[in-house]
Protein backbone atom coordinates (compact mmCIF):
# COMPACT_ATOMS: atom_id res chain seq x y z
CA UNK A 1 18.42 47.17 81.15
CA UNK A 2 20.03 45.82 84.31
CA UNK A 3 21.36 49.07 85.77
CA UNK A 4 20.97 52.82 85.66
CA UNK A 5 24.56 53.21 84.41
CA UNK A 6 24.91 55.89 81.77
CA UNK A 7 21.13 56.27 81.43
CA UNK A 8 21.09 58.96 84.12
CA UNK A 9 23.34 61.08 81.86
CA UNK A 10 22.06 60.06 78.45
CA UNK A 11 18.88 61.55 77.06
CA UNK A 12 19.25 60.42 73.46
CA UNK A 13 20.37 63.85 72.28
CA UNK A 14 24.09 63.09 71.80
CA UNK A 15 23.58 62.25 68.13
CA UNK A 16 19.80 62.29 67.85
CA UNK A 17 16.60 63.57 69.32
CA UNK A 18 15.99 64.00 73.01
CA UNK A 19 14.00 61.23 74.70
CA UNK A 20 10.53 62.54 75.60
CA UNK A 21 9.54 59.91 78.15
CA UNK A 22 12.57 58.61 80.02
CA UNK A 23 12.06 55.01 81.10
CA UNK A 24 11.27 54.24 84.72
CA UNK A 25 14.29 52.68 86.41
CA UNK A 26 14.11 48.94 86.97
CA UNK A 27 17.13 47.24 88.49
CA UNK A 28 17.43 43.46 88.24
CA UNK A 29 20.09 41.46 90.09
CA UNK A 30 21.46 38.78 87.78
CA UNK A 31 24.35 37.32 89.79
CA UNK A 32 22.22 34.35 90.91
CA UNK A 33 20.95 33.39 87.43
CA UNK A 34 23.17 30.39 86.60
CA UNK A 35 22.34 30.43 82.86
CA UNK A 36 23.83 33.93 82.62
CA UNK A 37 27.05 33.24 84.57
CA UNK A 38 28.98 30.71 82.48
CA UNK A 39 31.99 31.23 80.26
CA UNK A 40 33.96 28.83 78.10
CA UNK A 41 36.39 28.49 75.23
CA UNK A 42 35.23 26.08 72.54
CA UNK A 43 37.43 23.52 70.82
CA UNK A 44 37.21 25.66 67.66
CA UNK A 45 38.59 28.72 69.53
CA UNK A 46 35.24 30.48 69.88
CA UNK A 47 34.30 31.92 73.25
CA UNK A 48 30.91 31.89 74.97
CA UNK A 49 30.13 34.13 77.92
CA UNK A 50 27.02 34.62 80.03
CA UNK A 51 24.94 37.77 79.75
CA UNK A 52 25.50 38.73 83.41
CA UNK A 53 29.28 38.85 83.04
CA UNK A 54 31.13 42.18 83.23
CA UNK A 55 33.17 43.73 80.44
CA UNK A 56 36.36 42.92 82.36
CA UNK A 57 35.30 39.26 82.59
CA UNK A 58 34.78 39.28 78.81
CA UNK A 59 38.20 40.90 78.37
CA UNK A 60 39.78 38.20 80.60
CA UNK A 61 38.18 35.46 78.50
CA UNK A 62 39.39 37.11 75.28
CA UNK A 63 42.88 37.28 76.80
CA UNK A 64 42.91 33.47 77.13
CA UNK A 65 42.50 33.05 73.37
CA UNK A 66 44.43 36.15 72.25
CA UNK A 67 47.79 34.36 71.97
CA UNK A 68 46.48 32.23 69.11
CA UNK A 69 43.67 34.48 67.84
CA UNK A 70 44.72 37.95 66.70
CA UNK A 71 41.08 38.94 66.17
CA UNK A 72 40.30 38.23 69.83
CA UNK A 73 43.39 40.29 70.76
CA UNK A 74 42.07 43.22 68.72
CA UNK A 75 38.60 42.97 70.32
CA UNK A 76 40.22 42.78 73.77
CA UNK A 77 42.34 45.88 73.09
CA UNK A 78 39.32 47.81 71.84
CA UNK A 79 37.14 46.84 74.82
CA UNK A 80 39.90 47.94 77.22
CA UNK A 81 39.26 51.47 75.95
CA UNK A 82 35.57 51.35 76.90
CA UNK A 83 34.74 53.32 80.05
CA UNK A 84 37.19 52.99 82.99
CA UNK A 85 38.44 49.89 84.77
CA UNK A 86 36.00 50.43 87.65
CA UNK A 87 33.05 50.69 85.26
CA UNK A 88 34.21 47.64 83.26
CA UNK A 89 34.29 45.69 86.55
CA UNK A 90 30.56 46.19 87.09
CA UNK A 91 29.17 47.07 83.66
CA UNK A 92 28.40 44.25 81.28
CA UNK A 93 28.40 43.81 77.52
CA UNK A 94 24.72 42.77 77.64
CA UNK A 95 23.71 45.99 79.38
CA UNK A 96 25.73 47.98 76.86
CA UNK A 97 24.03 46.20 73.94
CA UNK A 98 20.59 46.59 75.55
CA UNK A 99 21.25 50.31 75.96
CA UNK A 100 22.43 50.62 72.34
CA UNK A 101 19.26 48.80 71.21
CA UNK A 102 17.03 51.11 73.23
CA UNK A 103 18.91 54.26 72.14
CA UNK A 104 20.15 53.68 68.56
CA UNK A 105 22.02 57.00 68.57
CA UNK A 106 24.24 55.84 71.47
CA UNK A 107 27.82 55.44 70.17
CA UNK A 108 28.52 51.95 71.55
CA UNK A 109 32.05 50.64 71.01
CA UNK A 110 30.92 47.20 72.24
CA UNK A 111 28.19 46.98 69.62
CA UNK A 112 30.58 48.04 66.87
CA UNK A 113 33.33 45.48 67.53
CA UNK A 114 30.92 42.64 68.38
CA UNK A 115 28.95 43.18 65.14
CA UNK A 116 32.16 43.25 63.10
CA UNK A 117 33.42 40.09 64.83
CA UNK A 118 30.25 38.21 63.89
CA UNK A 119 29.20 37.61 67.50
CA UNK A 120 25.88 35.87 68.13
CA UNK A 121 23.54 36.18 71.10
CA UNK A 122 21.37 33.59 72.79
CA UNK A 123 18.24 35.57 73.75
CA UNK A 124 14.90 34.86 75.37
CA UNK A 125 11.70 36.82 75.49
CA UNK A 126 9.40 36.24 78.47
CA UNK A 127 6.50 36.82 76.08
CA UNK A 128 7.33 33.68 74.07
CA UNK A 129 6.81 31.06 76.74
CA UNK A 130 6.13 27.46 75.79
CA UNK A 131 4.85 24.92 78.34
CA UNK A 132 6.20 26.95 81.29
CA UNK A 133 9.63 27.01 79.67
CA UNK A 134 11.46 29.94 78.13
CA UNK A 135 12.65 29.28 74.60
CA UNK A 136 16.02 30.71 73.59
CA UNK A 137 16.87 31.89 70.09
CA UNK A 138 20.26 32.63 68.55
CA UNK A 139 20.58 35.89 66.63
CA UNK A 140 23.48 38.07 65.51
CA UNK A 141 24.36 41.21 67.45
CA UNK A 142 23.34 43.19 64.37
CA UNK A 143 19.89 41.53 64.33
CA UNK A 144 19.50 42.23 68.05
CA UNK A 145 20.35 45.92 67.63
CA UNK A 146 18.07 46.21 64.60
CA UNK A 147 15.07 44.64 66.30
CA UNK A 148 12.43 47.13 67.47
CA UNK A 149 12.67 48.10 71.13
CA UNK A 150 9.48 47.50 73.10
CA UNK A 151 9.64 47.33 76.91
CA UNK A 152 6.57 45.06 76.88
CA UNK A 153 8.40 42.40 74.85
CA UNK A 154 12.01 42.48 76.03
CA UNK A 155 14.81 40.42 74.53
CA UNK A 156 17.00 39.21 77.39
CA UNK A 157 20.58 38.25 76.51
CA UNK A 158 21.45 34.89 78.08
CA UNK A 159 24.89 34.55 76.50
CA UNK A 160 27.11 35.64 73.65
CA UNK A 161 29.43 33.66 71.39
CA UNK A 162 32.35 35.28 69.57
CA UNK A 163 33.69 33.02 66.82
CA UNK A 164 37.37 32.29 66.35
CA UNK A 165 38.90 34.85 64.01
CA UNK A 166 42.12 32.98 63.19
CA UNK A 167 41.54 31.35 59.82
CA UNK A 168 42.23 33.68 56.89
CA UNK A 169 40.59 36.57 58.75
CA UNK A 170 41.94 40.06 59.23
CA UNK A 171 40.04 41.83 62.00
CA UNK A 172 40.80 45.49 62.70
CA UNK A 173 39.20 48.13 64.89
CA UNK A 174 40.10 51.73 65.66
CA UNK A 175 38.80 54.33 68.09
CA UNK A 176 39.46 58.07 68.16
CA UNK A 177 38.29 59.83 71.28
CA UNK A 178 39.14 62.77 73.50
CA UNK A 179 40.81 60.44 76.06
CA UNK A 180 42.24 56.91 75.82
CA UNK A 181 39.47 55.45 78.00
CA UNK A 182 36.30 56.62 79.72
CA UNK A 183 35.34 58.65 76.66
CA UNK A 184 32.85 58.04 73.85
CA UNK A 185 34.40 57.64 70.44
CA UNK A 186 34.53 60.62 68.15
CA UNK A 187 35.17 58.16 65.33
CA UNK A 188 35.30 54.38 65.61
CA UNK A 189 35.70 51.64 63.04
CA UNK A 190 35.77 47.85 62.92
CA UNK A 191 36.01 45.50 59.96
CA UNK A 192 36.31 41.79 59.49
């Protein structure tokens, strides 16, 4: 995880059992890692964004394609209800997914909509090093979240790709919560 974020408040007991050994905080600055900073819109309408980008940067990229891609518009609208604007400016989708992977009972809106959208992640594991070079692998968000969490063999998210959802696709997501934003979902739903 790249920040303390919600971890200082979350002990795993929201919808599950309390964490017995809270992890030791490790903060990593990723703004200088070029491979994690890019963002682009593909010719097919898909978007790719680096793992160090904030939620608001993801939302801005989705906004570029939302005029022609109603699925991207729906994802953008849903992500605008995650946390508050200030938190979305500094908190990233990769940190949110890493937290949801570490604490499966965490009700992550990001994980829900990205799984339903069929997003894929380019990940590396420092353990799998070949000839002094890190080897990246592409997996779905669902596979990432379902992989066992082990701090000794981390999966680092380099980038994420959200496919175009324009062709014969109906993408919907809903969130019920106490407040419009800055509140965990009481009930959330996404389907593709």
